[in-house]
Amino acid sequence: MLQAPGQDATRERASKVPPGWLHFAAGGVGGMCGAVITSPFDVVKTRLQSDMYKTAHKKPNRPAVLGMIESGARHFVETCRMLAEISAREGTSALFKGLGPTLVGVIPARAINFATYGTCKRFYSETFDHSAGSPLVHLAAAATAGITTATATNPIWVVKTRLQLESQRLEADARSARVNAVGQKNVRGLHTSARVLANMQFVRAAAPPHPATSAFRMAATIVRTEGVAGLYKGLTASYLGVSESTIQWVLYERLKRLNEKQESTQVPAVVRTIGAAGCAKMVATLVTYPHEVLRTRMRQQPVGQPKYTGLVQTFRLVLREEGPAAFYGGFTAHLMRVIPNAIVTFSIFEFVLALGSHL
C-alpha cells in the first residue's frame, strides 16, 4: 500500500530522535551546571518571596499601582544589596545555602523532565499520527513531563526552601526571645541597664543565629513535626507551575525550528540555542511567576498555627495583606537566575545530545 510522503518524513524524523537515556543524561548534566552557577540568585529569590523578608522590611501602605511601580523599581537594588548583605553577615557559603538539596533535586528533576519530554514527544507523535514538530505534541509532552517531575521531586524542594529561610526564622525567634526576656525582667522590677544587658547577652548566647542544619536533619524534622504530608506542601502550586515549563518547551521548540530555517545566516548553532532558550524562559516566567511566590509561602516552616494552608487561601491572604505587587516579590533575582540557568541547561543539553548522537 502506498504511503503518503508526509508519513515517511514523520517516521524518518522519529528515527532520528535520540534515545531516552541520552535525554536523561543530558538533562541531568545541564541542570547540575545551571544550578551551581546561579545558586546565589536562588537564595535571594527565595528570601524575597517569603513573608519573613516582607515582615522585616515592612513598608507603609501605598496605593496598589504605586506599590507595584515602587516594587519593580527597587527589585534590582534589593537583589544586589541582599547578595552583599548575606555574604557579609552569614558568609559566602550562605549564598549556596540549600545547594545540596538543590543539586539532589535539580539533577533528577532535569533528567526526568527532559527524558519524559523526549519519550512522550515520540510517543504522542507516533500514537496520534502527528508530526514530531507539532505544537500539540510539544504541549502534551511538556505537560506530562512537568506533572511527573513535580510529583517526584516536591519533597526535595520543600527541604531546600526551609534551609534557605532558616537563618531568617532563627533571627526572628532570637529577637522575640530577647524582647520577652527583657519584658519579664521589667515586670519583676529589675530595671537596671546592667541586668537588662546581661539578660540580652544570655539570650543571644543561648540562641545562636546560624546553626548548621543538614538536609537530612531538616527532612527528618519536617516528617516528625508535620508528617509525610509536610514534604508535599506546595505541590498544588507546583502543578500550577507546570504551565511555565509547558510554555517554555513549546516556545523553545518553535523558536528552535524558526532558527533552523535560517541556517543560511551563518549564525552559530550555540547562539541560536542561547537565543531560543533565553527568550522562551523569559516569556514563560513573566506569565506564570506568581505561582512561585504562592509555592514558597506554602512551603515556609510554620511558626505556631500555619498561616498558609492552601493554594486559594494563600492567594487571597497575600492579595489582601500585601497587594498585587507581592506576587512578583523577588522577580528580578528570579530572572537573573532562571534565564542564565535555562541558557546553560539547554546549551549543555543540546551539546550532549549532539555528542551522544555521533558516538
Protein backbone atom coordinates (compact mmCIF):
# COMPACT_ATOMS: atom_id res chain seq x y z
CA MET A 1 0.00 0.00 0.00
CA LEU A 2 1.29 3.40 -0.93
CA GLN A 3 2.24 5.77 1.91
CA ALA A 4 1.99 9.50 1.85
CA PRO A 5 5.32 11.36 1.69
CA GLY A 6 4.42 13.15 4.91
CA GLN A 7 4.22 9.84 6.81
CA ASP A 8 7.66 8.81 5.56
CA ALA A 9 9.08 12.15 6.72
CA THR A 10 7.47 11.73 10.14
CA ARG A 11 8.97 8.24 10.56
CA GLU A 12 12.36 9.48 9.41
CA ARG A 13 12.33 12.29 11.97
CA ALA A 14 11.20 9.89 14.71
CA SER A 15 14.05 7.52 13.90
CA LYS A 16 16.48 10.38 14.45
CA VAL A 17 15.15 11.20 17.92
CA PRO A 18 17.90 10.39 20.47
CA PRO A 19 17.12 7.54 22.91
CA GLY A 20 15.52 8.24 26.27
CA TRP A 21 18.67 7.51 28.29
CA LEU A 22 20.56 10.20 26.37
CA HIS A 23 17.84 12.76 27.15
CA PHE A 24 18.08 11.66 30.80
CA ALA A 25 21.84 12.12 30.97
CA ALA A 26 21.90 15.38 29.01
CA GLY A 27 19.15 16.91 31.14
CA GLY A 28 20.90 15.92 34.38
CA VAL A 29 24.27 17.36 33.36
CA GLY A 30 22.72 20.59 32.08
CA GLY A 31 20.61 21.03 35.21
CA MET A 32 23.59 20.47 37.51
CA CYS A 33 25.74 23.10 35.79
CA GLY A 34 22.94 25.65 35.70
CA ALA A 35 22.09 25.16 39.39
CA VAL A 36 25.66 25.63 40.62
CA ILE A 37 26.25 28.79 38.58
CA THR A 38 23.02 30.52 39.62
CA SER A 39 22.67 29.31 43.23
CA PRO A 40 23.23 32.76 44.91
CA PHE A 41 20.30 34.26 42.99
CA ASP A 42 18.13 31.33 44.04
CA VAL A 43 18.82 32.07 47.73
CA VAL A 44 17.98 35.77 47.28
CA LYS A 45 14.85 34.96 45.27
CA THR A 46 13.53 32.61 47.94
CA ARG A 47 14.03 35.17 50.71
CA LEU A 48 12.37 37.95 48.72
CA GLN A 49 9.37 35.69 48.07
CA SER A 50 8.99 34.84 51.75
CA ASP A 51 6.81 36.85 54.12
CA MET A 52 9.70 36.72 56.62
CA TYR A 53 11.51 39.26 54.46
CA LYS A 54 8.30 41.25 53.98
CA THR A 55 7.78 41.47 57.75
CA ALA A 56 11.35 42.57 58.43
CA HIS A 57 11.19 45.23 55.71
CA LYS A 58 7.57 46.31 56.02
CA LYS A 59 6.69 49.47 54.13
CA PRO A 60 3.81 51.89 54.82
CA ASN A 61 0.59 51.21 52.95
CA ARG A 62 0.51 52.71 49.46
CA PRO A 63 -1.92 52.60 46.55
CA ALA A 64 -1.65 49.35 44.60
CA VAL A 65 -0.35 50.96 41.40
CA LEU A 66 2.29 52.99 43.21
CA GLY A 67 3.27 49.93 45.21
CA MET A 68 3.83 47.88 42.06
CA ILE A 69 5.86 50.65 40.42
CA GLU A 70 7.99 51.12 43.53
CA SER A 71 8.40 47.37 43.90
CA GLY A 72 9.55 46.98 40.32
CA ALA A 73 11.96 49.90 40.61
CA ARG A 74 13.71 48.60 43.72
CA HIS A 75 13.90 44.88 42.82
CA PHE A 76 17.30 45.16 41.16
CA VAL A 77 18.72 47.23 44.02
CA GLU A 78 17.30 44.80 46.57
CA THR A 79 18.84 41.85 44.77
CA CYS A 80 22.32 43.34 44.70
CA ARG A 81 22.03 44.59 48.29
CA MET A 82 20.88 41.22 49.60
CA LEU A 83 23.72 39.42 47.84
CA ALA A 84 26.21 41.70 49.62
CA GLU A 85 24.30 41.56 52.92
CA ILE A 86 24.06 37.77 53.02
CA SER A 87 27.75 37.43 52.16
CA ALA A 88 28.78 39.92 54.87
CA ARG A 89 26.52 38.71 57.69
CA GLU A 90 26.40 34.97 57.07
CA GLY A 91 29.47 34.30 54.98
CA THR A 92 29.91 33.50 51.31
CA SER A 93 28.80 29.92 51.92
CA ALA A 94 25.30 31.22 52.77
CA LEU A 95 24.89 32.21 49.12
CA PHE A 96 24.94 28.49 48.37
CA LYS A 97 22.56 27.56 51.20
CA GLY A 98 20.38 24.70 50.08
CA LEU A 99 22.64 23.89 47.11
CA GLY A 100 22.95 20.29 48.33
CA PRO A 101 19.22 19.53 48.13
CA THR A 102 19.04 21.73 45.05
CA LEU A 103 21.53 19.50 43.25
CA VAL A 104 19.86 16.41 44.65
CA GLY A 105 16.61 17.77 43.22
CA VAL A 106 17.77 19.50 40.05
CA ILE A 107 19.78 16.64 38.62
CA PRO A 108 16.96 14.07 38.76
CA ALA A 109 14.33 16.74 38.06
CA ARG A 110 16.01 17.90 34.85
CA ALA A 111 16.85 14.33 33.92
CA ILE A 112 13.26 13.18 34.48
CA ASN A 113 11.81 16.22 32.74
CA PHE A 114 13.98 16.03 29.64
CA ALA A 115 13.73 12.23 29.39
CA THR A 116 9.94 12.24 29.88
CA TYR A 117 9.55 15.07 27.40
CA GLY A 118 11.62 13.33 24.73
CA THR A 119 9.89 9.98 25.26
CA CYS A 120 6.39 11.49 25.31
CA LYS A 121 7.10 13.59 22.23
CA ARG A 122 7.96 10.47 20.30
CA PHE A 123 5.02 8.50 21.80
CA TYR A 124 2.41 11.17 21.09
CA SER A 125 3.66 11.81 17.57
CA GLU A 126 3.52 8.10 16.73
CA THR A 127 0.27 7.33 18.57
CA PHE A 128 -1.76 10.22 17.21
CA ASP A 129 -0.03 10.34 13.82
CA HIS A 130 1.15 13.92 14.30
CA SER A 131 4.43 15.36 13.18
CA ALA A 132 7.11 15.40 15.90
CA GLY A 133 7.25 19.16 15.36
CA SER A 134 3.55 19.73 16.00
CA PRO A 135 2.80 22.31 18.74
CA LEU A 136 0.10 19.96 20.10
CA VAL A 137 2.67 17.21 20.55
CA HIS A 138 5.05 19.63 22.30
CA LEU A 139 2.22 20.85 24.55
CA ALA A 140 1.12 17.37 25.60
CA ALA A 141 4.67 16.11 26.12
CA ALA A 142 5.68 19.16 28.17
CA ALA A 143 2.58 18.94 30.41
CA THR A 144 3.17 15.24 31.06
CA ALA A 145 6.84 15.83 31.84
CA GLY A 146 6.02 18.73 34.18
CA ILE A 147 3.46 16.81 36.24
CA THR A 148 5.75 13.78 36.52
CA THR A 149 8.71 15.88 37.61
CA ALA A 150 6.74 17.97 40.14
CA THR A 151 5.32 14.90 41.85
CA ALA A 152 8.65 13.07 42.05
CA THR A 153 10.78 15.94 43.36
CA ASN A 154 8.47 18.06 45.56
CA PRO A 155 9.93 16.80 48.91
CA ILE A 156 13.40 17.94 47.85
CA TRP A 157 12.21 21.47 47.10
CA VAL A 158 10.40 21.72 50.45
CA VAL A 159 13.66 20.87 52.28
CA LYS A 160 15.62 23.32 50.12
CA THR A 161 13.17 26.17 50.81
CA ARG A 162 13.27 25.53 54.57
CA LEU A 163 17.09 25.57 54.56
CA GLN A 164 17.22 28.86 52.66
CA LEU A 165 14.77 30.52 55.06
CA GLU A 166 16.22 29.01 58.23
CA SER A 167 18.55 31.88 59.17
CA GLN A 168 15.78 34.48 58.92
CA ARG A 169 13.43 32.37 61.04
CA LEU A 170 16.08 31.92 63.74
CA GLU A 171 16.85 35.64 63.77
CA ALA A 172 13.14 36.38 64.27
CA ASP A 173 12.96 33.84 67.10
CA ALA A 174 16.04 35.33 68.76
CA ARG A 175 14.61 38.87 68.56
CA SER A 176 11.33 37.69 70.05
CA ALA A 177 13.13 35.85 72.86
CA ARG A 178 15.19 38.92 73.74
CA VAL A 179 12.10 41.16 73.83
CA ASN A 180 10.19 38.69 76.01
CA ALA A 181 13.13 38.26 78.38
CA VAL A 182 13.57 42.00 78.81
CA GLY A 183 9.83 42.41 79.39
CA GLN A 184 9.85 39.76 82.10
CA LYS A 185 12.74 41.45 83.87
CA ASN A 186 10.93 44.80 83.78
CA VAL A 187 7.80 43.26 85.24
CA ARG A 188 9.84 41.92 88.15
CA GLY A 189 11.23 45.39 88.78
CA LEU A 190 14.78 44.73 87.53
CA HIS A 191 15.22 47.95 85.60
CA THR A 192 18.95 48.41 85.75
CA SER A 193 20.72 48.63 82.43
CA ALA A 194 23.38 46.19 83.57
CA ARG A 195 20.85 43.45 84.31
CA VAL A 196 18.99 44.03 81.05
CA LEU A 197 22.25 43.94 79.09
CA ALA A 198 23.32 40.73 80.85
CA ASN A 199 19.96 39.15 80.07
CA MET A 200 20.18 40.07 76.40
CA GLN A 201 23.69 38.66 76.19
CA PHE A 202 22.49 35.45 77.84
CA VAL A 203 19.60 35.03 75.38
CA ARG A 204 21.87 35.85 72.44
CA ALA A 205 24.36 33.24 73.58
CA ALA A 206 21.62 30.67 74.20
CA ALA A 207 20.15 31.13 70.73
CA PRO A 208 22.96 31.03 68.13
CA PRO A 209 21.65 32.74 64.98
CA HIS A 210 23.00 30.46 62.28
CA PRO A 211 23.40 26.81 63.29
CA ALA A 212 24.28 24.42 60.51
CA THR A 213 21.34 22.18 59.62
CA SER A 214 21.79 19.36 57.17
CA ALA A 215 19.23 18.48 54.54
CA PHE A 216 18.64 15.08 56.12
CA ARG A 217 18.07 16.62 59.55
CA MET A 218 15.66 19.16 58.09
CA ALA A 219 13.73 16.41 56.28
CA ALA A 220 13.53 14.36 59.49
CA THR A 221 12.27 17.41 61.39
CA ILE A 222 9.55 18.04 58.81
CA VAL A 223 8.36 14.43 58.94
CA ARG A 224 8.44 14.39 62.76
CA THR A 225 6.56 17.67 63.24
CA GLU A 226 4.27 17.79 60.20
CA GLY A 227 4.09 14.23 58.96
CA VAL A 228 4.91 12.93 55.50
CA ALA A 229 2.36 15.35 54.09
CA GLY A 230 4.71 18.18 55.10
CA LEU A 231 7.11 17.09 52.38
CA TYR A 232 4.39 17.70 49.79
CA LYS A 233 3.48 21.24 50.79
CA GLY A 234 3.20 23.49 47.76
CA LEU A 235 2.52 20.56 45.41
CA THR A 236 -0.69 22.14 44.12
CA ALA A 237 1.26 25.32 43.34
CA SER A 238 3.88 23.16 41.62
CA TYR A 239 1.17 21.65 39.44
CA LEU A 240 0.07 25.18 38.64
CA GLY A 241 3.69 25.87 37.73
CA VAL A 242 3.64 23.09 35.15
CA SER A 243 2.22 25.76 32.86
CA GLU A 244 5.61 27.53 32.99
CA SER A 245 7.61 24.54 31.77
CA THR A 246 4.91 23.79 29.19
CA ILE A 247 5.03 27.31 27.76
CA GLN A 248 8.83 27.22 27.85
CA TRP A 249 9.08 23.93 25.94
CA VAL A 250 6.54 24.94 23.29
CA LEU A 251 8.21 28.32 22.71
CA TYR A 252 11.69 26.79 22.71
CA GLU A 253 10.75 24.19 20.11
CA ARG A 254 9.05 26.83 17.97
CA LEU A 255 11.97 29.27 18.15
CA LYS A 256 14.45 26.48 17.51
CA ARG A 257 12.60 25.43 14.35
CA LEU A 258 12.45 29.02 13.15
CA ASN A 259 16.19 29.39 13.74
CA GLU A 260 16.91 26.14 11.91
CA LYS A 261 15.22 27.59 8.82
CA GLN A 262 17.68 30.49 8.89
CA GLU A 263 20.91 28.48 8.81
CA SER A 264 21.97 30.47 5.76
CA THR A 265 22.60 33.47 8.04
CA GLN A 266 25.75 31.70 9.31
CA VAL A 267 24.69 32.21 12.93
CA PRO A 268 26.39 29.53 15.08
CA ALA A 269 24.07 26.83 16.43
CA VAL A 270 25.04 27.64 20.03
CA VAL A 271 23.94 31.26 19.56
CA ARG A 272 20.60 30.11 18.18
CA THR A 273 20.16 27.81 21.18
CA ILE A 274 21.02 30.61 23.63
CA GLY A 275 18.52 32.96 22.00
CA ALA A 276 15.71 30.39 21.90
CA ALA A 277 16.27 29.21 25.49
CA GLY A 278 16.55 32.72 26.93
CA CYS A 279 13.50 34.14 25.15
CA ALA A 280 11.34 31.11 25.91
CA LYS A 281 12.21 31.22 29.61
CA MET A 282 11.62 34.97 29.91
CA VAL A 283 8.13 34.81 28.39
CA ALA A 284 7.15 31.75 30.43
CA THR A 285 8.39 33.37 33.65
CA LEU A 286 6.57 36.66 33.08
CA VAL A 287 3.29 34.84 32.55
CA THR A 288 3.47 32.33 35.42
CA TYR A 289 5.70 33.86 38.13
CA PRO A 290 3.01 34.39 40.84
CA HIS A 291 2.82 30.63 41.41
CA GLU A 292 6.45 30.77 42.60
CA VAL A 293 5.53 33.16 45.42
CA LEU A 294 2.50 31.08 46.41
CA ARG A 295 4.59 27.92 46.47
CA THR A 296 7.30 29.50 48.65
CA ARG A 297 4.74 30.78 51.15
CA MET A 298 3.11 27.35 51.39
CA ARG A 299 6.49 25.68 51.97
CA GLN A 300 7.62 28.01 54.76
CA GLN A 301 8.18 26.42 58.13
CA PRO A 302 5.10 27.30 60.18
CA VAL A 303 5.51 29.20 63.44
CA GLY A 304 2.66 28.07 65.66
CA GLN A 305 -0.58 27.83 63.71
CA PRO A 306 0.15 27.52 59.95
CA LYS A 307 -0.63 30.78 58.18
CA TYR A 308 -0.77 29.41 54.63
CA THR A 309 -2.90 26.29 54.33
CA GLY A 310 -3.93 26.02 50.69
CA LEU A 311 -3.43 27.48 47.24
CA VAL A 312 -6.61 29.59 47.08
CA GLN A 313 -6.34 30.61 50.75
CA THR A 314 -2.72 31.69 50.26
CA PHE A 315 -3.58 33.69 47.15
CA ARG A 316 -6.40 35.56 48.90
CA LEU A 317 -4.36 36.21 52.03
CA VAL A 318 -1.31 37.58 50.19
CA LEU A 319 -3.54 39.73 47.97
CA ARG A 320 -5.42 41.15 50.96
CA GLU A 321 -2.42 41.78 53.22
CA GLU A 322 0.29 42.80 50.75
CA GLY A 323 -1.37 43.71 47.47
CA PRO A 324 -0.77 42.52 43.87
CA ALA A 325 2.90 43.58 43.89
CA ALA A 326 3.69 40.81 46.39
CA PHE A 327 3.10 38.19 43.69
CA TYR A 328 6.23 39.45 41.94
CA GLY A 329 8.44 39.58 45.03
CA GLY A 330 11.97 38.53 44.12
CA PHE A 331 11.14 38.67 40.42
CA THR A 332 14.40 40.36 39.38
CA ALA A 333 16.50 37.88 41.36
CA HIS A 334 14.45 35.10 39.80
CA LEU A 335 15.08 36.37 36.26
CA MET A 336 18.79 36.80 37.00
CA ARG A 337 18.81 33.14 37.98
CA VAL A 338 16.44 31.33 35.64
CA ILE A 339 17.44 32.90 32.32
CA PRO A 340 21.17 32.06 32.64
CA ASN A 341 20.10 28.74 34.13
CA ALA A 342 17.91 27.96 31.12
CA ILE A 343 20.64 29.02 28.69
CA VAL A 344 23.26 26.84 30.39
CA THR A 345 20.89 23.89 30.78
CA PHE A 346 19.60 23.85 27.20
CA SER A 347 23.02 24.58 25.68
CA ILE A 348 24.62 21.68 27.52
CA PHE A 349 21.57 19.52 26.81
CA GLU A 350 21.83 20.12 23.06
CA PHE A 351 25.61 19.63 23.18
CA VAL A 352 25.36 16.29 24.99
CA LEU A 353 22.60 15.14 22.62
CA ALA A 354 24.70 16.05 19.59
CA LEU A 355 27.75 14.39 21.11
CA GLY A 356 25.85 11.24 22.03
CA SER A 357 24.25 11.00 18.59
CA HIS A 358 27.70 10.77 16.98
CA LEU A 359 29.06 8.12 19.33
